[in-house]
């Protein structure tokens, strides 16, 4: 089920332009418009799920994570390292209330984040 006011739902439905790097029947992955690293891709489920805390579909959650990791590997960062980030809620820095994972790579990433 999609939310007609959600920007990520619009991208997943092809109603809004994005640089899509991967898609299948469950997820869409596209480049972030304000990248924080040389590789910065968002992986979103086609289904509107507000946060990671709102899903109980282990298969979908696993598919999102595996897809994110495979994108990092395909882009050449499998050996040098990459980070997957899923913010949950406004206090965590979530800007769009639609479950998404950030795939970040291509530079040394500091710890702790934020």
N, C-alpha and C. Protein backbone atom coordinates (compact mmCIF):
# COMPACT_ATOMS: atom_id res chain seq x y z
N UNK A 1 0.85 -1.17 0.00
CA UNK A 1 0.00 0.00 0.00
C UNK A 1 0.90 1.24 0.00
N UNK A 2 0.60 2.20 -0.86
CA UNK A 2 1.38 3.42 -0.98
C UNK A 2 0.67 4.57 -0.28
N UNK A 3 1.46 5.57 0.10
CA UNK A 3 0.93 6.80 0.67
C UNK A 3 1.07 7.88 -0.41
N UNK A 4 -0.04 8.41 -0.91
CA UNK A 4 0.03 9.37 -2.02
C UNK A 4 0.79 10.65 -1.71
N UNK A 5 1.02 10.95 -0.43
CA UNK A 5 1.76 12.17 -0.08
C UNK A 5 3.25 11.89 0.18
N UNK A 6 3.67 10.64 0.09
CA UNK A 6 5.06 10.25 0.41
C UNK A 6 5.94 10.33 -0.84
N UNK A 7 7.02 11.09 -0.72
CA UNK A 7 7.95 11.26 -1.84
C UNK A 7 8.58 9.93 -2.25
N UNK A 8 8.90 9.05 -1.29
CA UNK A 8 9.51 7.77 -1.63
C UNK A 8 8.50 6.84 -2.31
N UNK A 9 7.24 6.91 -1.92
CA UNK A 9 6.21 6.13 -2.61
C UNK A 9 6.08 6.60 -4.06
N UNK A 10 6.17 7.91 -4.27
CA UNK A 10 6.09 8.46 -5.63
C UNK A 10 7.27 8.01 -6.47
N UNK A 11 8.46 7.99 -5.90
CA UNK A 11 9.64 7.51 -6.62
C UNK A 11 9.47 6.03 -6.94
N UNK A 12 9.04 5.24 -5.96
CA UNK A 12 8.86 3.80 -6.16
C UNK A 12 7.83 3.50 -7.25
N UNK A 13 6.82 4.36 -7.37
CA UNK A 13 5.77 4.17 -8.37
C UNK A 13 6.17 4.75 -9.73
N UNK A 14 7.31 5.41 -9.82
CA UNK A 14 7.73 6.02 -11.07
C UNK A 14 7.06 7.35 -11.35
N UNK A 15 6.41 7.90 -10.36
CA UNK A 15 5.71 9.18 -10.52
C UNK A 15 6.62 10.38 -10.29
N UNK A 16 7.78 10.14 -9.72
CA UNK A 16 8.73 11.21 -9.43
C UNK A 16 10.11 10.74 -9.90
N UNK A 17 10.86 11.65 -10.48
CA UNK A 17 12.15 11.33 -11.06
C UNK A 17 13.20 11.05 -9.98
N UNK A 18 14.03 10.05 -10.23
CA UNK A 18 15.17 9.72 -9.37
C UNK A 18 16.15 8.92 -10.21
N UNK A 19 17.42 8.92 -9.81
CA UNK A 19 18.43 8.12 -10.50
C UNK A 19 18.41 6.71 -9.89
N UNK A 20 17.57 5.87 -10.44
CA UNK A 20 17.37 4.51 -9.94
C UNK A 20 18.57 3.65 -10.33
N UNK A 21 19.14 2.93 -9.34
CA UNK A 21 20.26 2.03 -9.60
C UNK A 21 19.86 0.57 -9.51
N UNK A 22 18.70 0.32 -8.92
CA UNK A 22 18.21 -1.07 -8.81
C UNK A 22 16.72 -1.01 -8.48
N UNK A 23 15.98 -1.97 -9.02
CA UNK A 23 14.59 -2.14 -8.61
C UNK A 23 14.13 -3.56 -8.89
N UNK A 24 13.22 -4.02 -8.07
CA UNK A 24 12.55 -5.28 -8.27
C UNK A 24 11.12 -5.11 -7.77
N UNK A 25 10.40 -6.19 -7.61
CA UNK A 25 8.99 -6.08 -7.22
C UNK A 25 8.80 -5.64 -5.76
N UNK A 26 9.86 -5.65 -4.95
CA UNK A 26 9.72 -5.31 -3.53
C UNK A 26 10.42 -4.03 -3.11
N UNK A 27 11.50 -3.65 -3.81
CA UNK A 27 12.30 -2.48 -3.42
C UNK A 27 12.72 -1.65 -4.62
N UNK A 28 13.08 -0.41 -4.33
CA UNK A 28 13.68 0.50 -5.31
C UNK A 28 14.89 1.13 -4.63
N UNK A 29 15.99 1.25 -5.36
CA UNK A 29 17.20 1.89 -4.85
C UNK A 29 17.58 3.03 -5.79
N UNK A 30 17.88 4.19 -5.20
CA UNK A 30 18.20 5.35 -6.01
C UNK A 30 19.24 6.21 -5.30
N UNK A 31 19.96 7.01 -6.08
CA UNK A 31 21.01 7.87 -5.53
C UNK A 31 20.38 9.02 -4.75
N UNK A 32 20.99 9.33 -3.59
CA UNK A 32 20.53 10.43 -2.75
C UNK A 32 20.81 11.75 -3.47
N UNK A 33 19.87 12.70 -3.39
CA UNK A 33 20.06 13.98 -4.07
C UNK A 33 21.03 14.90 -3.32
N UNK A 34 21.34 14.58 -2.07
CA UNK A 34 22.32 15.35 -1.28
C UNK A 34 23.30 14.37 -0.66
N UNK A 35 24.17 13.76 -1.48
CA UNK A 35 25.03 12.68 -0.98
C UNK A 35 25.99 13.13 0.11
N UNK A 36 26.18 12.23 1.08
CA UNK A 36 27.09 12.46 2.20
C UNK A 36 28.38 11.66 2.04
N UNK A 37 28.49 10.91 0.95
CA UNK A 37 29.68 10.12 0.63
C UNK A 37 29.68 9.90 -0.88
N UNK A 38 30.82 9.50 -1.45
CA UNK A 38 30.85 9.26 -2.89
C UNK A 38 29.77 8.28 -3.36
N UNK A 39 29.50 7.26 -2.56
CA UNK A 39 28.35 6.40 -2.82
C UNK A 39 27.33 6.69 -1.74
N UNK A 40 26.15 7.14 -2.14
CA UNK A 40 25.06 7.36 -1.20
C UNK A 40 23.77 7.02 -1.93
N UNK A 41 23.31 5.81 -1.65
CA UNK A 41 22.10 5.27 -2.29
C UNK A 41 21.08 4.99 -1.20
N UNK A 42 19.81 5.24 -1.50
CA UNK A 42 18.72 4.90 -0.59
C UNK A 42 18.01 3.67 -1.14
N UNK A 43 17.75 2.73 -0.26
CA UNK A 43 17.00 1.52 -0.63
C UNK A 43 15.68 1.57 0.13
N UNK A 44 14.57 1.59 -0.60
CA UNK A 44 13.25 1.73 0.01
C UNK A 44 12.34 0.60 -0.44
N UNK A 45 11.50 0.09 0.46
CA UNK A 45 10.49 -0.87 0.02
C UNK A 45 9.42 -0.14 -0.79
N UNK A 46 8.83 -0.82 -1.74
CA UNK A 46 7.73 -0.23 -2.51
C UNK A 46 6.51 0.00 -1.61
N UNK A 47 6.33 -0.87 -0.65
CA UNK A 47 5.23 -0.74 0.31
C UNK A 47 5.55 0.41 1.27
N UNK A 48 4.57 1.23 1.58
CA UNK A 48 4.81 2.32 2.53
C UNK A 48 4.81 1.76 3.95
N UNK A 49 5.99 1.80 4.55
CA UNK A 49 6.19 1.41 5.95
C UNK A 49 6.90 2.60 6.58
N UNK A 50 6.35 3.14 7.65
CA UNK A 50 6.86 4.39 8.20
C UNK A 50 8.30 4.28 8.70
N UNK A 51 8.61 3.28 9.52
CA UNK A 51 9.97 3.12 10.06
C UNK A 51 10.28 1.63 10.19
N UNK A 52 11.52 1.32 10.49
CA UNK A 52 11.91 -0.08 10.70
C UNK A 52 11.12 -0.67 11.86
N UNK A 53 10.72 0.15 12.81
CA UNK A 53 9.93 -0.32 13.94
C UNK A 53 8.49 -0.65 13.59
N UNK A 54 8.06 -0.30 12.39
CA UNK A 54 6.69 -0.56 11.96
C UNK A 54 6.56 -1.80 11.08
N UNK A 55 7.65 -2.50 10.83
CA UNK A 55 7.54 -3.70 10.00
C UNK A 55 7.73 -4.95 10.85
N UNK A 56 6.99 -5.96 10.49
CA UNK A 56 7.17 -7.26 11.12
C UNK A 56 7.46 -8.31 10.05
N UNK A 57 7.65 -7.82 8.82
CA UNK A 57 7.91 -8.71 7.69
C UNK A 57 9.41 -8.95 7.61
N UNK A 58 9.86 -10.03 8.24
CA UNK A 58 11.28 -10.34 8.27
C UNK A 58 11.85 -10.56 6.88
N UNK A 59 11.06 -11.12 6.01
CA UNK A 59 11.50 -11.37 4.64
C UNK A 59 11.78 -10.05 3.92
N UNK A 60 10.89 -9.09 4.07
CA UNK A 60 11.09 -7.78 3.42
C UNK A 60 12.29 -7.06 4.04
N UNK A 61 12.37 -7.05 5.36
CA UNK A 61 13.49 -6.38 6.03
C UNK A 61 14.82 -6.99 5.58
N UNK A 62 14.88 -8.31 5.51
CA UNK A 62 16.09 -8.98 5.05
C UNK A 62 16.40 -8.66 3.60
N UNK A 63 15.36 -8.59 2.78
CA UNK A 63 15.55 -8.27 1.36
C UNK A 63 16.13 -6.86 1.19
N UNK A 64 15.64 -5.91 1.98
CA UNK A 64 16.16 -4.54 1.91
C UNK A 64 17.64 -4.53 2.27
N UNK A 65 18.01 -5.21 3.34
CA UNK A 65 19.41 -5.23 3.79
C UNK A 65 20.30 -5.94 2.77
N UNK A 66 19.88 -7.08 2.28
CA UNK A 66 20.69 -7.81 1.30
C UNK A 66 20.83 -7.02 0.01
N UNK A 67 19.76 -6.36 -0.41
CA UNK A 67 19.83 -5.51 -1.60
C UNK A 67 20.82 -4.37 -1.38
N UNK A 68 20.76 -3.73 -0.22
CA UNK A 68 21.67 -2.63 0.08
C UNK A 68 23.13 -3.10 0.03
N UNK A 69 23.41 -4.22 0.64
CA UNK A 69 24.78 -4.75 0.63
C UNK A 69 25.23 -5.12 -0.78
N UNK A 70 24.34 -5.68 -1.58
CA UNK A 70 24.72 -6.05 -2.94
C UNK A 70 25.00 -4.82 -3.80
N UNK A 71 24.29 -3.74 -3.55
CA UNK A 71 24.56 -2.49 -4.28
C UNK A 71 25.96 -1.98 -3.94
N UNK A 72 26.31 -1.98 -2.65
CA UNK A 72 27.65 -1.54 -2.25
C UNK A 72 28.72 -2.39 -2.92
N UNK A 73 28.52 -3.69 -2.95
CA UNK A 73 29.49 -4.59 -3.59
C UNK A 73 29.56 -4.32 -5.08
N UNK A 74 28.41 -4.18 -5.73
CA UNK A 74 28.37 -3.94 -7.18
C UNK A 74 29.05 -2.62 -7.55
N UNK A 75 28.97 -1.63 -6.66
CA UNK A 75 29.58 -0.33 -6.91
C UNK A 75 31.08 -0.32 -6.58
N UNK A 76 31.60 -1.47 -6.11
CA UNK A 76 33.04 -1.61 -5.90
C UNK A 76 33.52 -1.40 -4.48
N UNK A 77 32.60 -1.42 -3.49
CA UNK A 77 32.98 -1.16 -2.11
C UNK A 77 32.84 -2.39 -1.21
N UNK A 78 32.77 -3.56 -1.78
CA UNK A 78 32.63 -4.78 -0.99
C UNK A 78 33.82 -5.06 -0.10
N UNK A 79 35.02 -4.76 -0.59
CA UNK A 79 36.23 -5.03 0.18
C UNK A 79 36.67 -3.86 1.04
N UNK A 80 36.53 -2.64 0.54
CA UNK A 80 37.02 -1.47 1.28
C UNK A 80 36.08 -1.07 2.41
N UNK A 81 34.81 -1.44 2.30
CA UNK A 81 33.86 -1.18 3.37
C UNK A 81 32.75 -0.24 2.98
N UNK A 82 31.62 -0.42 3.65
CA UNK A 82 30.45 0.41 3.42
C UNK A 82 29.63 0.42 4.69
N UNK A 83 28.73 1.37 4.79
CA UNK A 83 27.87 1.48 5.96
C UNK A 83 26.42 1.47 5.50
N UNK A 84 25.58 0.73 6.27
CA UNK A 84 24.14 0.75 6.08
C UNK A 84 23.54 1.45 7.28
N UNK A 85 22.69 2.44 7.02
CA UNK A 85 22.07 3.23 8.09
C UNK A 85 20.57 3.25 7.87
N UNK A 86 19.83 2.93 8.93
CA UNK A 86 18.36 3.06 8.91
C UNK A 86 17.96 3.90 10.11
N UNK A 87 17.68 5.16 9.89
CA UNK A 87 17.20 6.02 10.96
C UNK A 87 15.73 5.70 11.21
N UNK A 88 15.31 5.82 12.46
CA UNK A 88 13.92 5.52 12.81
C UNK A 88 13.38 6.64 13.68
N UNK A 89 12.61 7.53 13.08
CA UNK A 89 12.01 8.63 13.81
C UNK A 89 12.78 9.93 13.67
N UNK A 90 12.11 11.00 13.98
CA UNK A 90 12.65 12.35 13.82
C UNK A 90 13.92 12.56 14.64
N UNK A 91 13.95 12.09 15.89
CA UNK A 91 15.13 12.29 16.74
C UNK A 91 16.37 11.56 16.21
N UNK A 92 16.16 10.57 15.39
CA UNK A 92 17.28 9.84 14.80
C UNK A 92 17.75 10.50 13.50
N UNK A 93 17.04 11.53 13.06
CA UNK A 93 17.42 12.22 11.83
C UNK A 93 16.66 11.77 10.61
N UNK A 94 15.57 11.06 10.81
CA UNK A 94 14.78 10.56 9.68
C UNK A 94 14.03 11.73 9.05
N UNK A 95 14.33 12.02 7.79
CA UNK A 95 13.72 13.14 7.10
C UNK A 95 12.45 12.79 6.35
N UNK A 96 12.35 11.56 5.88
CA UNK A 96 11.16 11.09 5.17
C UNK A 96 10.63 9.88 5.92
N UNK A 97 9.38 9.95 6.34
CA UNK A 97 8.77 8.87 7.13
C UNK A 97 8.36 7.71 6.23
N UNK A 98 9.36 7.06 5.68
CA UNK A 98 9.19 5.85 4.86
C UNK A 98 10.47 5.06 5.09
N UNK A 99 10.34 3.84 5.53
CA UNK A 99 11.50 3.00 5.80
C UNK A 99 12.50 3.08 4.66
N UNK A 100 13.74 3.37 4.98
CA UNK A 100 14.79 3.38 3.97
C UNK A 100 16.15 3.16 4.63
N UNK A 101 17.01 2.51 3.88
CA UNK A 101 18.39 2.31 4.29
C UNK A 101 19.29 3.18 3.42
N UNK A 102 20.22 3.86 4.05
CA UNK A 102 21.26 4.59 3.34
C UNK A 102 22.42 3.63 3.14
N UNK A 103 22.96 3.58 1.94
CA UNK A 103 24.18 2.83 1.64
C UNK A 103 25.25 3.89 1.41
N UNK A 104 26.25 3.92 2.30
CA UNK A 104 27.30 4.93 2.25
C UNK A 104 28.66 4.26 2.09
N UNK A 105 29.48 4.79 1.18
CA UNK A 105 30.82 4.24 0.96
C UNK A 105 31.64 5.22 0.14
N UNK A 106 32.92 4.91 0.02
CA UNK A 106 33.79 5.69 -0.85
C UNK A 106 34.69 6.66 -0.11
N UNK A 107 34.59 6.70 1.20
CA UNK A 107 35.49 7.51 2.03
C UNK A 107 35.50 6.89 3.42
N UNK A 108 36.47 7.27 4.23
CA UNK A 108 36.51 6.79 5.61
C UNK A 108 35.31 7.40 6.34
N UNK A 109 34.53 6.58 6.99
CA UNK A 109 33.34 7.01 7.72
C UNK A 109 33.67 7.01 9.21
N UNK A 110 33.46 8.12 9.86
CA UNK A 110 33.83 8.23 11.28
C UNK A 110 32.84 7.51 12.18
N UNK A 111 33.29 7.24 13.40
CA UNK A 111 32.45 6.62 14.41
C UNK A 111 32.72 7.29 15.74
N UNK A 112 31.78 7.60 16.53
CA UNK A 112 30.36 7.33 16.30
C UNK A 112 29.76 8.38 15.35
N UNK A 113 28.70 7.98 14.63
CA UNK A 113 28.03 8.93 13.75
C UNK A 113 27.23 9.94 14.57
N UNK A 114 26.89 11.06 13.93
CA UNK A 114 26.01 12.06 14.55
C UNK A 114 26.60 12.65 15.76
